[in-house]
């Protein structure tokens, strides 16, 4: 039951992150107030790194900024390491 809740939360965060990156790209093209870069990176760090990477590709957004080009994949690698550790711990307890 617990792993399913985590997966639903991650799916929700990734969808929210993808949409937020899309909104920021729209605002950038139309000269509106933008979403702060700290917010975009925070969403990636809170579990939305896959959504961030997909949005960066889909919208061609933030791909030239080093903190996004290298930071978001680094966040994803850390999250995968944490997920692998948690999976190992969870399966060894069962």
PDB file of N, CA and C in Angstrom:
ATOM      1  N   UNK A   1       0.818  -1.199   0.000  1.00  0.00           N
ATOM      2  CA  UNK A   1       0.000   0.000   0.000  1.00  0.00           C
ATOM      3  C   UNK A   1       0.859   1.260   0.000  1.00  0.00           C
ATOM      4  N   UNK A   2       1.874   1.298   0.832  1.00  0.00           N
ATOM      5  CA  UNK A   2       2.740   2.473   0.946  1.00  0.00           C
ATOM      6  C   UNK A   2       3.453   2.818  -0.360  1.00  0.00           C
ATOM      7  N   UNK A   3       4.030   1.841  -1.074  1.00  0.00           N
ATOM      8  CA  UNK A   3       4.697   2.183  -2.342  1.00  0.00           C
ATOM      9  C   UNK A   3       3.738   2.795  -3.373  1.00  0.00           C
ATOM     10  N   UNK A   4       2.480   2.378  -3.369  1.00  0.00           N
ATOM     11  CA  UNK A   4       1.514   2.945  -4.303  1.00  0.00           C
ATOM     12  C   UNK A   4       1.257   4.421  -4.008  1.00  0.00           C
ATOM     13  N   UNK A   5       1.186   4.771  -2.757  1.00  0.00           N
ATOM     14  CA  UNK A   5       0.974   6.171  -2.380  1.00  0.00           C
ATOM     15  C   UNK A   5       2.154   7.012  -2.837  1.00  0.00           C
ATOM     16  N   UNK A   6       3.359   6.510  -2.641  1.00  0.00           N
ATOM     17  CA  UNK A   6       4.564   7.225  -3.074  1.00  0.00           C
ATOM     18  C   UNK A   6       4.544   7.414  -4.590  1.00  0.00           C
ATOM     19  N   UNK A   7       4.180   6.377  -5.319  1.00  0.00           N
ATOM     20  CA  UNK A   7       4.125   6.480  -6.786  1.00  0.00           C
ATOM     21  C   UNK A   7       3.088   7.499  -7.247  1.00  0.00           C
ATOM     22  N   UNK A   8       1.924   7.528  -6.609  1.00  0.00           N
ATOM     23  CA  UNK A   8       0.902   8.518  -6.962  1.00  0.00           C
ATOM     24  C   UNK A   8       1.376   9.938  -6.658  1.00  0.00           C
ATOM     25  N   UNK A   9       2.054  10.108  -5.542  1.00  0.00           N
ATOM     26  CA  UNK A   9       2.594  11.429  -5.196  1.00  0.00           C
ATOM     27  C   UNK A   9       3.646  11.870  -6.207  1.00  0.00           C
ATOM     28  N   UNK A  10       4.538  10.954  -6.573  1.00  0.00           N
ATOM     29  CA  UNK A  10       5.559  11.285  -7.572  1.00  0.00           C
ATOM     30  C   UNK A  10       4.935  11.611  -8.923  1.00  0.00           C
ATOM     31  N   UNK A  11       3.934  10.862  -9.319  1.00  0.00           N
ATOM     32  CA  UNK A  11       3.249  11.143 -10.585  1.00  0.00           C
ATOM     33  C   UNK A  11       2.630  12.536 -10.551  1.00  0.00           C
ATOM     34  N   UNK A  12       1.986  12.874  -9.442  1.00  0.00           N
ATOM     35  CA  UNK A  12       1.360  14.185  -9.300  1.00  0.00           C
ATOM     36  C   UNK A  12       2.394  15.308  -9.357  1.00  0.00           C
ATOM     37  N   UNK A  13       3.496  15.142  -8.642  1.00  0.00           N
ATOM     38  CA  UNK A  13       4.543  16.168  -8.631  1.00  0.00           C
ATOM     39  C   UNK A  13       5.147  16.334 -10.020  1.00  0.00           C
ATOM     40  N   UNK A  14       5.354  15.229 -10.740  1.00  0.00           N
ATOM     41  CA  UNK A  14       5.936  15.316 -12.079  1.00  0.00           C
ATOM     42  C   UNK A  14       4.987  15.985 -13.071  1.00  0.00           C
ATOM     43  N   UNK A  15       3.712  15.705 -12.968  1.00  0.00           N
ATOM     44  CA  UNK A  15       2.731  16.378 -13.831  1.00  0.00           C
ATOM     45  C   UNK A  15       2.693  17.865 -13.513  1.00  0.00           C
ATOM     46  N   UNK A  16       2.660  18.212 -12.235  1.00  0.00           N
ATOM     47  CA  UNK A  16       2.670  19.617 -11.816  1.00  0.00           C
ATOM     48  C   UNK A  16       3.931  20.324 -12.301  1.00  0.00           C
ATOM     49  N   UNK A  17       5.072  19.664 -12.200  1.00  0.00           N
ATOM     50  CA  UNK A  17       6.334  20.246 -12.649  1.00  0.00           C
ATOM     51  C   UNK A  17       6.321  20.477 -14.147  1.00  0.00           C
ATOM     52  N   UNK A  18       5.871  19.494 -14.907  1.00  0.00           N
ATOM     53  CA  UNK A  18       5.792  19.625 -16.359  1.00  0.00           C
ATOM     54  C   UNK A  18       4.914  20.812 -16.754  1.00  0.00           C
ATOM     55  N   UNK A  19       3.759  20.918 -16.124  1.00  0.00           N
ATOM     56  CA  UNK A  19       2.828  22.015 -16.415  1.00  0.00           C
ATOM     57  C   UNK A  19       3.450  23.359 -16.038  1.00  0.00           C
ATOM     58  N   UNK A  20       4.121  23.425 -14.903  1.00  0.00           N
ATOM     59  CA  UNK A  20       4.734  24.675 -14.448  1.00  0.00           C
ATOM     60  C   UNK A  20       5.826  25.131 -15.409  1.00  0.00           C
ATOM     61  N   UNK A  21       6.650  24.209 -15.897  1.00  0.00           N
ATOM     62  CA  UNK A  21       7.667  24.557 -16.887  1.00  0.00           C
ATOM     63  C   UNK A  21       6.999  25.062 -18.171  1.00  0.00           C
ATOM     64  N   UNK A  22       5.896  24.442 -18.557  1.00  0.00           N
ATOM     65  CA  UNK A  22       5.167  24.895 -19.744  1.00  0.00           C
ATOM     66  C   UNK A  22       4.592  26.294 -19.561  1.00  0.00           C
ATOM     67  N   UNK A  23       4.056  26.557 -18.393  1.00  0.00           N
ATOM     68  CA  UNK A  23       3.526  27.888 -18.101  1.00  0.00           C
ATOM     69  C   UNK A  23       4.639  28.926 -18.146  1.00  0.00           C
ATOM     70  N   UNK A  24       5.799  28.577 -17.576  1.00  0.00           N
ATOM     71  CA  UNK A  24       6.917  29.516 -17.594  1.00  0.00           C
ATOM     72  C   UNK A  24       7.380  29.795 -19.024  1.00  0.00           C
ATOM     73  N   UNK A  25       7.401  28.785 -19.859  1.00  0.00           N
ATOM     74  CA  UNK A  25       7.789  28.986 -21.265  1.00  0.00           C
ATOM     75  C   UNK A  25       6.778  29.904 -21.961  1.00  0.00           C
ATOM     76  N   UNK A  26       5.501  29.681 -21.705  1.00  0.00           N
ATOM     77  CA  UNK A  26       4.462  30.535 -22.279  1.00  0.00           C
ATOM     78  C   UNK A  26       4.652  31.981 -21.834  1.00  0.00           C
ATOM     79  N   UNK A  27       4.898  32.162 -20.539  1.00  0.00           N
ATOM     80  CA  UNK A  27       5.098  33.512 -20.009  1.00  0.00           C
ATOM     81  C   UNK A  27       6.352  34.154 -20.592  1.00  0.00           C
ATOM     82  N   UNK A  28       7.389  33.369 -20.815  1.00  0.00           N
ATOM     83  CA  UNK A  28       8.623  33.906 -21.398  1.00  0.00           C
ATOM     84  C   UNK A  28       8.374  34.410 -22.815  1.00  0.00           C
ATOM     85  N   UNK A  29       7.583  33.692 -23.571  1.00  0.00           N
ATOM     86  CA  UNK A  29       7.303  34.092 -24.957  1.00  0.00           C
ATOM     87  C   UNK A  29       6.392  35.307 -25.043  1.00  0.00           C
ATOM     88  N   UNK A  30       5.565  35.513 -24.021  1.00  0.00           N
ATOM     89  CA  UNK A  30       4.590  36.601 -24.059  1.00  0.00           C
ATOM     90  C   UNK A  30       4.926  37.753 -23.112  1.00  0.00           C
ATOM     91  N   UNK A  31       6.167  37.795 -22.638  1.00  0.00           N
ATOM     92  CA  UNK A  31       6.651  38.886 -21.791  1.00  0.00           C
ATOM     93  C   UNK A  31       5.788  39.132 -20.555  1.00  0.00           C
ATOM     94  N   UNK A  32       5.432  38.057 -19.868  1.00  0.00           N
ATOM     95  CA  UNK A  32       4.682  38.160 -18.615  1.00  0.00           C
ATOM     96  C   UNK A  32       5.622  37.859 -17.450  1.00  0.00           C
ATOM     97  N   UNK A  33       5.106  38.069 -16.233  1.00  0.00           N
ATOM     98  CA  UNK A  33       5.873  37.702 -15.045  1.00  0.00           C
ATOM     99  C   UNK A  33       6.159  36.223 -15.099  1.00  0.00           C
ATOM    100  N   UNK A  34       7.386  35.856 -14.758  1.00  0.00           N
ATOM    101  CA  UNK A  34       7.852  34.478 -14.896  1.00  0.00           C
ATOM    102  C   UNK A  34       7.803  33.730 -13.574  1.00  0.00           C
ATOM    103  N   UNK A  35       7.859  32.416 -13.696  1.00  0.00           N
ATOM    104  CA  UNK A  35       8.014  31.552 -12.526  1.00  0.00           C
ATOM    105  C   UNK A  35       9.484  31.640 -12.111  1.00  0.00           C
ATOM    106  N   UNK A  36       9.739  31.792 -10.829  1.00  0.00           N
ATOM    107  CA  UNK A  36      11.122  31.919 -10.351  1.00  0.00           C
ATOM    108  C   UNK A  36      11.893  30.629 -10.625  1.00  0.00           C
ATOM    109  N   UNK A  37      13.164  30.785 -10.970  1.00  0.00           N
ATOM    110  CA  UNK A  37      14.009  29.620 -11.221  1.00  0.00           C
ATOM    111  C   UNK A  37      14.113  28.740  -9.986  1.00  0.00           C
ATOM    112  N   UNK A  38      14.131  29.364  -8.806  1.00  0.00           N
ATOM    113  CA  UNK A  38      14.192  28.598  -7.563  1.00  0.00           C
ATOM    114  C   UNK A  38      12.973  27.686  -7.424  1.00  0.00           C
ATOM    115  N   UNK A  39      11.818  28.166  -7.852  1.00  0.00           N
ATOM    116  CA  UNK A  39      10.597  27.361  -7.794  1.00  0.00           C
ATOM    117  C   UNK A  39      10.693  26.176  -8.743  1.00  0.00           C
ATOM    118  N   UNK A  40      11.197  26.424  -9.957  1.00  0.00           N
ATOM    119  CA  UNK A  40      11.336  25.346 -10.932  1.00  0.00           C
ATOM    120  C   UNK A  40      12.298  24.272 -10.424  1.00  0.00           C
ATOM    121  N   UNK A  41      13.410  24.702  -9.839  1.00  0.00           N
ATOM    122  CA  UNK A  41      14.378  23.739  -9.309  1.00  0.00           C
ATOM    123  C   UNK A  41      13.839  23.025  -8.072  1.00  0.00           C
ATOM    124  N   UNK A  42      13.079  23.737  -7.256  1.00  0.00           N
ATOM    125  CA  UNK A  42      12.491  23.119  -6.072  1.00  0.00           C
ATOM    126  C   UNK A  42      11.510  22.017  -6.469  1.00  0.00           C
ATOM    127  N   UNK A  43      10.702  22.278  -7.488  1.00  0.00           N
ATOM    128  CA  UNK A  43       9.775  21.250  -7.956  1.00  0.00           C
ATOM    129  C   UNK A  43      10.529  20.006  -8.435  1.00  0.00           C
ATOM    130  N   UNK A  44      11.638  20.219  -9.120  1.00  0.00           N
ATOM    131  CA  UNK A  44      12.457  19.082  -9.555  1.00  0.00           C
ATOM    132  C   UNK A  44      13.013  18.341  -8.347  1.00  0.00           C
ATOM    133  N   UNK A  45      13.464  19.075  -7.347  1.00  0.00           N
ATOM    134  CA  UNK A  45      14.056  18.457  -6.161  1.00  0.00           C
ATOM    135  C   UNK A  45      13.026  17.727  -5.309  1.00  0.00           C
ATOM    136  N   UNK A  46      11.780  18.150  -5.372  1.00  0.00           N
ATOM    137  CA  UNK A  46      10.721  17.512  -4.583  1.00  0.00           C
ATOM    138  C   UNK A  46      10.175  16.252  -5.251  1.00  0.00           C
ATOM    139  N   UNK A  47      10.834  15.799  -6.294  1.00  0.00           N
ATOM    140  CA  UNK A  47      10.419  14.559  -6.948  1.00  0.00           C
ATOM    141  C   UNK A  47       9.979  14.744  -8.378  1.00  0.00           C
ATOM    142  N   UNK A  48      10.008  15.961  -8.870  1.00  0.00           N
ATOM    143  CA  UNK A  48       9.541  16.231 -10.222  1.00  0.00           C
ATOM    144  C   UNK A  48      10.645  16.326 -11.259  1.00  0.00           C
ATOM    145  N   UNK A  49      11.757  15.666 -11.020  1.00  0.00           N
ATOM    146  CA  UNK A  49      12.895  15.793 -11.944  1.00  0.00           C
ATOM    147  C   UNK A  49      12.604  15.185 -13.312  1.00  0.00           C
ATOM    148  N   UNK A  50      11.852  14.101 -13.361  1.00  0.00           N
ATOM    149  CA  UNK A  50      11.504  13.508 -14.656  1.00  0.00           C
ATOM    150  C   UNK A  50      10.580  14.448 -15.420  1.00  0.00           C
ATOM    151  N   UNK A  51       9.603  15.021 -14.738  1.00  0.00           N
ATOM    152  CA  UNK A  51       8.719  15.995 -15.369  1.00  0.00           C
ATOM    153  C   UNK A  51       9.471  17.218 -15.855  1.00  0.00           C
ATOM    154  N   UNK A  52      10.474  17.644 -15.074  1.00  0.00           N
ATOM    155  CA  UNK A  52      11.289  18.795 -15.467  1.00  0.00           C
ATOM    156  C   UNK A  52      12.089  18.480 -16.724  1.00  0.00           C
ATOM    157  N   UNK A  53      12.719  17.310 -16.757  1.00  0.00           N
ATOM    158  CA  UNK A  53      13.504  16.931 -17.934  1.00  0.00           C
ATOM    159  C   UNK A  53      12.626  16.796 -19.174  1.00  0.00           C
ATOM    160  N   UNK A  54      11.469  16.184 -19.017  1.00  0.00           N
ATOM    161  CA  UNK A  54      10.551  16.053 -20.152  1.00  0.00           C
ATOM    162  C   UNK A  54      10.080  17.419 -20.645  1.00  0.00           C
ATOM    163  N   UNK A  55       9.791  18.314 -19.714  1.00  0.00           N
ATOM    164  CA  UNK A  55       9.348  19.659 -20.087  1.00  0.00           C
ATOM    165  C   UNK A  55      10.463  20.441 -20.757  1.00  0.00           C
ATOM    166  N   UNK A  56      11.684  20.280 -20.267  1.00  0.00           N
ATOM    167  CA  UNK A  56      12.817  20.980 -20.878  1.00  0.00           C
ATOM    168  C   UNK A  56      12.967  20.545 -22.338  1.00  0.00           C
ATOM    169  N   UNK A  57      12.746  19.272 -22.595  1.00  0.00           N
ATOM    170  CA  UNK A  57      12.828  18.776 -23.978  1.00  0.00           C
ATOM    171  C   UNK A  57      11.614  19.199 -24.796  1.00  0.00           C
ATOM    172  N   UNK A  58      10.431  19.018 -24.242  1.00  0.00           N
ATOM    173  CA  UNK A  58       9.197  19.291 -24.985  1.00  0.00           C
ATOM    174  C   UNK A  58       9.055  20.766 -25.337  1.00  0.00           C
ATOM    175  N   UNK A  59       9.398  21.645 -24.391  1.00  0.00           N
ATOM    176  CA  UNK A  59       9.213  23.079 -24.594  1.00  0.00           C
ATOM    177  C   UNK A  59      10.503  23.792 -24.992  1.00  0.00           C
ATOM    178  N   UNK A  60      11.599  23.048 -25.053  1.00  0.00           N
ATOM    179  CA  UNK A  60      12.921  23.642 -25.296  1.00  0.00           C
ATOM    180  C   UNK A  60      13.125  24.837 -24.361  1.00  0.00           C
ATOM    181  N   UNK A  61      12.971  24.549 -23.090  1.00  0.00           N
ATOM    182  CA  UNK A  61      12.973  25.597 -22.074  1.00  0.00           C
ATOM    183  C   UNK A  61      14.051  25.327 -21.039  1.00  0.00           C
ATOM    184  N   UNK A  62      14.846  26.336 -20.740  1.00  0.00           N
ATOM    185  CA  UNK A  62      15.907  26.291 -19.736  1.00  0.00           C
ATOM    186  C   UNK A  62      17.033  25.328 -20.116  1.00  0.00           C
ATOM    187  N   UNK A  63      17.152  24.985 -21.373  1.00  0.00           N
ATOM    188  CA  UNK A  63      18.172  24.021 -21.787  1.00  0.00           C
ATOM    189  C   UNK A  63      19.556  24.648 -21.894  1.00  0.00           C
ATOM    190  N   UNK A  64      19.650  25.961 -21.949  1.00  0.00           N
ATOM    191  CA  UNK A  64      20.941  26.623 -22.048  1.00  0.00           C
ATOM    192  C   UNK A  64      21.485  27.069 -20.694  1.00  0.00           C
ATOM    193  N   UNK A  65      20.673  26.997 -19.669  1.00  0.00           N
ATOM    194  CA  UNK A  65      21.100  27.386 -18.328  1.00  0.00           C
ATOM    195  C   UNK A  65      21.810  26.202 -17.679  1.00  0.00           C
ATOM    196  N   UNK A  66      23.053  26.419 -17.260  1.00  0.00           N
ATOM    197  CA  UNK A  66      23.849  25.321 -16.699  1.00  0.00           C
ATOM    198  C   UNK A  66      23.206  24.701 -15.470  1.00  0.00           C
ATOM    199  N   UNK A  67      22.589  25.540 -14.635  1.00  0.00           N
ATOM    200  CA  UNK A  67      21.999  24.987 -13.418  1.00  0.00           C
ATOM    201  C   UNK A  67      20.823  24.062 -13.726  1.00  0.00           C
ATOM    202  N   UNK A  68      20.208  24.239 -14.882  1.00  0.00           N
ATOM    203  CA  UNK A  68      19.130  23.338 -15.287  1.00  0.00           C
ATOM    204  C   UNK A  68      19.683  22.178 -16.120  1.00  0.00           C
ATOM    205  N   UNK A  69      20.579  22.485 -17.040  1.00  0.00           N
ATOM    206  CA  UNK A  69      21.132  21.457 -17.922  1.00  0.00           C
ATOM    207  C   UNK A  69      21.852  20.369 -17.135  1.00  0.00           C
ATOM    208  N   UNK A  70      22.593  20.775 -16.105  1.00  0.00           N
ATOM    209  CA  UNK A  70      23.339  19.808 -15.300  1.00  0.00           C
ATOM    210  C   UNK A  70      22.670  19.531 -13.952  1.00  0.00           C
ATOM    211  N   UNK A  71      21.967  20.522 -13.431  1.00  0.00           N
ATOM    212  CA  UNK A  71      21.365  20.380 -12.106  1.00  0.00           C
ATOM    213  C   UNK A  71      20.203  19.414 -12.063  1.00  0.00           C
ATOM    214  N   UNK A  72      19.303  19.514 -13.033  1.00  0.00           N
ATOM    215  CA  UNK A  72      18.131  18.638 -13.028  1.00  0.00           C
ATOM    216  C   UNK A  72      18.536  17.166 -13.217  1.00  0.00           C
ATOM    217  N   UNK A  73      19.427  16.835 -14.165  1.00  0.00           N
ATOM    218  CA  UNK A  73      19.864  15.428 -14.232  1.00  0.00           C
ATOM    219  C   UNK A  73      20.583  14.970 -12.962  1.00  0.00           C
ATOM    220  N   UNK A  74      21.333  15.865 -12.326  1.00  0.00           N
ATOM    221  CA  UNK A  74      21.996  15.505 -11.066  1.00  0.00           C
ATOM    222  C   UNK A  74      20.964  15.211  -9.980  1.00  0.00           C
ATOM    223  N   UNK A  75      19.920  16.018  -9.932  1.00  0.00           N
ATOM    224  CA  UNK A  75      18.841  15.786  -8.970  1.00  0.00           C
ATOM    225  C   UNK A  75      18.199  14.424  -9.241  1.00  0.00           C
ATOM    226  N   UNK A  76      17.971  14.115 -10.513  1.00  0.00           N
ATOM    227  CA  UNK A  76      17.381  12.832 -10.875  1.00  0.00           C
ATOM    228  C   UNK A  76      18.268  11.669 -10.419  1.00  0.00           C
ATOM    229  N   UNK A  77      19.567  11.784 -10.615  1.00  0.00           N
ATOM    230  CA  UNK A  77      20.479  10.713 -10.190  1.00  0.00           C
ATOM    231  C   UNK A  77      20.423  10.510  -8.673  1.00  0.00           C
ATOM    232  N   UNK A  78      20.392  11.589  -7.929  1.00  0.00           N
ATOM    233  CA  UNK A  78      20.286  11.484  -6.465  1.00  0.00           C
ATOM    234  C   UNK A  78      18.965  10.830  -6.088  1.00  0.00           C
ATOM    235  N   UNK A  79      17.875  11.225  -6.756  1.00  0.00           N
ATOM    236  CA  UNK A  79      16.576  10.641  -6.450  1.00  0.00           C
ATOM    237  C   UNK A  79      16.534   9.153  -6.790  1.00  0.00           C
ATOM    238  N   UNK A  80      17.170   8.767  -7.891  1.00  0.00           N
ATOM    239  CA  UNK A  80      17.223   7.346  -8.239  1.00  0.00           C
ATOM    240  C   UNK A  80      18.027   6.558  -7.213  1.00  0.00           C
ATOM    241  N   UNK A  81      19.109   7.144  -6.724  1.00  0.00           N
ATOM    242  CA  UNK A  81      19.903   6.481  -5.690  1.00  0.00           C
ATOM    243  C   UNK A  81      19.092   6.311  -4.409  1.00  0.00           C
ATOM    244  N   UNK A  82      18.356   7.339  -4.040  1.00  0.00           N
ATOM    245  CA  UNK A  82      17.503   7.258  -2.848  1.00  0.00           C
ATOM    246  C   UNK A  82      16.411   6.211  -3.049  1.00  0.00           C
ATOM    247  N   UNK A  83      15.813   6.192  -4.237  1.00  0.00           N
ATOM    248  CA  UNK A  83      14.758   5.212  -4.532  1.00  0.00           C
ATOM    249  C   UNK A  83      15.306   3.792  -4.476  1.00  0.00           C
ATOM    250  N   UNK A  84      16.494   3.578  -5.021  1.00  0.00           N
ATOM    251  CA  UNK A  84      17.106   2.246  -4.992  1.00  0.00           C
ATOM    252  C   UNK A  84      17.386   1.822  -3.553  1.00  0.00           C
ATOM    253  N   UNK A  85      17.889   2.744  -2.750  1.00  0.00           N
ATOM    254  CA  UNK A  85      18.156   2.453  -1.343  1.00  0.00           C
ATOM    255  C   UNK A  85      16.859   2.093  -0.614  1.00  0.00           C
ATOM    256  N   UNK A  86      15.822   2.894  -0.819  1.00  0.00           N
ATOM    257  CA  UNK A  86      14.540   2.639  -0.157  1.00  0.00           C
ATOM    258  C   UNK A  86      13.935   1.321  -0.620  1.00  0.00           C
ATOM    259  N   UNK A  87      14.042   1.042  -1.907  1.00  0.00           N
ATOM    260  CA  UNK A  87      13.520  -0.224  -2.435  1.00  0.00           C
ATOM    261  C   UNK A  87      14.256  -1.401  -1.806  1.00  0.00           C
ATOM    262  N   UNK A  88      15.575  -1.298  -1.721  1.00  0.00           N
ATOM    263  CA  UNK A  88      16.371  -2.358  -1.119  1.00  0.00           C
ATOM    264  C   UNK A  88      15.976  -2.568   0.346  1.00  0.00           C
ATOM    265  N   UNK A  89      15.840  -1.471   1.073  1.00  0.00           N
ATOM    266  CA  UNK A  89      15.472  -1.560   2.486  1.00  0.00           C
ATOM    267  C   UNK A  89      14.067  -2.134   2.662  1.00  0.00           C
ATOM    268  N   UNK A  90      13.136  -1.707   1.790  1.00  0.00           N
ATOM    269  CA  UNK A  90      11.754  -2.166   1.895  1.00  0.00           C
ATOM    270  C   UNK A  90      11.648  -3.659   1.579  1.00  0.00           C
ATOM    271  N   UNK A  91      12.328  -4.097   0.514  1.00  0.00           N
ATOM    272  CA  UNK A  91      12.228  -5.505   0.127  1.00  0.00           C
ATOM    273  C   UNK A  91      12.991  -6.424   1.092  1.00  0.00           C
ATOM    274  N   UNK A  92      14.023  -5.900   1.735  1.00  0.00           N
ATOM    275  CA  UNK A  92      14.755  -6.734   2.674  1.00  0.00           C
ATOM    276  C   UNK A  92      13.992  -6.905   3.997  1.00  0.00           C
ATOM    277  N   UNK A  93      13.062  -5.987   4.268  1.00  0.00           N
ATOM    278  CA  UNK A  93      12.268  -6.078   5.493  1.00  0.00           C
ATOM    279  C   UNK A  93      11.082  -6.996   5.320  1.00  0.00           C
ATOM    280  N   UNK A  94      10.651  -7.222   4.100  1.00  0.00           N
ATOM    281  CA  UNK A  94       9.456  -8.041   3.853  1.00  0.00           C
ATOM    282  C   UNK A  94       9.769  -9.491   3.849  1.00  0.00           C
TER     283      UNK A  94
END
